[in-house]
Amino acid sequence: MASENRSQATTPQLVSLAEAADQFGISVKTLRRRISDGTIHGYRVGRLIRVDMNELRARLMVEMPTSR
């Protein structure tokens, strides 16, 4: 079972730019800029561009340090 969980975690969850932008509350234009500057990877499926939600969670969601 552990190997099943590991393979699911590494399996890309490709979604459209519009769906990803909606999920993260950012614009499609921002996602296109991040693909262009190499911050995230874009995947072309025919004429469509897809992004991996797992990668977006890892790269766009950065924990902010707290002051004590």
C-alpha atoms as a PDB file:
ATOM      1  CA  MET A   1       0.000   0.000   0.000  1.00  0.00           C
ATOM      2  CA  ALA A   2       2.845   2.419   0.721  1.00  0.00           C
ATOM      3  CA  SER A   3       4.010   2.137  -2.879  1.00  0.00           C
ATOM      4  CA  GLU A   4       0.478   2.981  -4.075  1.00  0.00           C
ATOM      5  CA  ASN A   5       0.438   6.182  -2.006  1.00  0.00           C
ATOM      6  CA  ARG A   6       3.882   7.138  -3.261  1.00  0.00           C
ATOM      7  CA  SER A   7       2.914   6.657  -6.914  1.00  0.00           C
ATOM      8  CA  GLN A   8      -0.281   8.678  -6.458  1.00  0.00           C
ATOM      9  CA  ALA A   9       1.685  11.548  -4.929  1.00  0.00           C
ATOM     10  CA  THR A  10       4.024  11.708  -7.928  1.00  0.00           C
ATOM     11  CA  THR A  11       1.318  11.270 -10.558  1.00  0.00           C
ATOM     12  CA  PRO A  12       0.732  14.676 -12.159  1.00  0.00           C
ATOM     13  CA  GLN A  13      -2.718  16.145 -11.674  1.00  0.00           C
ATOM     14  CA  LEU A  14      -2.939  18.213 -14.859  1.00  0.00           C
ATOM     15  CA  VAL A  15      -5.614  20.900 -14.994  1.00  0.00           C
ATOM     16  CA  SER A  16      -6.366  23.859 -17.230  1.00  0.00           C
ATOM     17  CA  LEU A  17      -4.920  27.276 -16.507  1.00  0.00           C
ATOM     18  CA  ALA A  18      -8.409  28.620 -15.774  1.00  0.00           C
ATOM     19  CA  GLU A  19      -9.117  25.860 -13.257  1.00  0.00           C
ATOM     20  CA  ALA A  20      -5.751  26.309 -11.526  1.00  0.00           C
ATOM     21  CA  ALA A  21      -6.119  30.097 -11.436  1.00  0.00           C
ATOM     22  CA  ASP A  22      -9.569  29.764  -9.887  1.00  0.00           C
ATOM     23  CA  GLN A  23      -8.297  27.275  -7.302  1.00  0.00           C
ATOM     24  CA  PHE A  24      -5.477  29.574  -6.158  1.00  0.00           C
ATOM     25  CA  GLY A  25      -7.272  32.892  -6.567  1.00  0.00           C
ATOM     26  CA  ILE A  26      -4.812  34.224  -9.138  1.00  0.00           C
ATOM     27  CA  SER A  27      -5.167  35.176 -12.777  1.00  0.00           C
ATOM     28  CA  VAL A  28      -4.470  33.034 -15.819  1.00  0.00           C
ATOM     29  CA  LYS A  29      -2.048  35.765 -16.876  1.00  0.00           C
ATOM     30  CA  THR A  30      -0.043  35.211 -13.680  1.00  0.00           C
ATOM     31  CA  LEU A  31       0.176  31.487 -14.406  1.00  0.00           C
ATOM     32  CA  ARG A  32       1.326  32.212 -17.957  1.00  0.00           C
ATOM     33  CA  ARG A  33       4.024  34.552 -16.584  1.00  0.00           C
ATOM     34  CA  ARG A  34       5.200  31.883 -14.118  1.00  0.00           C
ATOM     35  CA  ILE A  35       5.427  29.322 -16.932  1.00  0.00           C
ATOM     36  CA  SER A  36       7.334  31.827 -19.061  1.00  0.00           C
ATOM     37  CA  ASP A  37       9.859  32.681 -16.321  1.00  0.00           C
ATOM     38  CA  GLY A  38      10.350  28.994 -15.419  1.00  0.00           C
ATOM     39  CA  THR A  39       8.864  29.140 -11.927  1.00  0.00           C
ATOM     40  CA  ILE A  40       6.380  26.400 -12.856  1.00  0.00           C
ATOM     41  CA  HIS A  41       6.158  23.933 -15.719  1.00  0.00           C
ATOM     42  CA  GLY A  42       3.456  24.041 -18.357  1.00  0.00           C
ATOM     43  CA  TYR A  43       2.424  20.985 -20.358  1.00  0.00           C
ATOM     44  CA  ARG A  44       1.005  21.228 -23.840  1.00  0.00           C
ATOM     45  CA  VAL A  45      -1.784  18.752 -24.566  1.00  0.00           C
ATOM     46  CA  GLY A  46      -2.632  19.353 -28.195  1.00  0.00           C
ATOM     47  CA  ARG A  47      -3.374  23.079 -28.326  1.00  0.00           C
ATOM     48  CA  LEU A  48      -4.183  23.302 -24.620  1.00  0.00           C
ATOM     49  CA  ILE A  49      -1.799  24.215 -21.807  1.00  0.00           C
ATOM     50  CA  ARG A  50      -2.064  22.327 -18.537  1.00  0.00           C
ATOM     51  CA  VAL A  51      -0.316  22.726 -15.192  1.00  0.00           C
ATOM     52  CA  ASP A  52       0.279  20.201 -12.426  1.00  0.00           C
ATOM     53  CA  MET A  53      -1.712  21.062  -9.288  1.00  0.00           C
ATOM     54  CA  ASN A  54       0.801  19.169  -7.122  1.00  0.00           C
ATOM     55  CA  GLU A  55       3.614  21.378  -8.430  1.00  0.00           C
ATOM     56  CA  LEU A  56       1.553  24.542  -7.920  1.00  0.00           C
ATOM     57  CA  ARG A  57       0.856  23.597  -4.304  1.00  0.00           C
ATOM     58  CA  ALA A  58       4.565  23.020  -3.723  1.00  0.00           C
ATOM     59  CA  ARG A  59       5.840  26.149  -5.499  1.00  0.00           C
ATOM     60  CA  LEU A  60       3.131  28.784  -5.096  1.00  0.00           C
ATOM     61  CA  MET A  61       2.072  28.059  -1.538  1.00  0.00           C
ATOM     62  CA  VAL A  62       5.011  29.208   0.587  1.00  0.00           C
ATOM     63  CA  GLU A  63       4.678  29.359   4.346  1.00  0.00           C
ATOM     64  CA  MET A  64       5.274  32.796   5.786  1.00  0.00           C
ATOM     65  CA  PRO A  65       7.585  33.042   8.775  1.00  0.00           C
ATOM     66  CA  THR A  66       6.084  34.378  11.972  1.00  0.00           C
ATOM     67  CA  SER A  67       7.736  36.880  14.238  1.00  0.00           C
ATOM     68  CA  ARG A  68       7.981  36.069  17.921  1.00  0.00           C
END
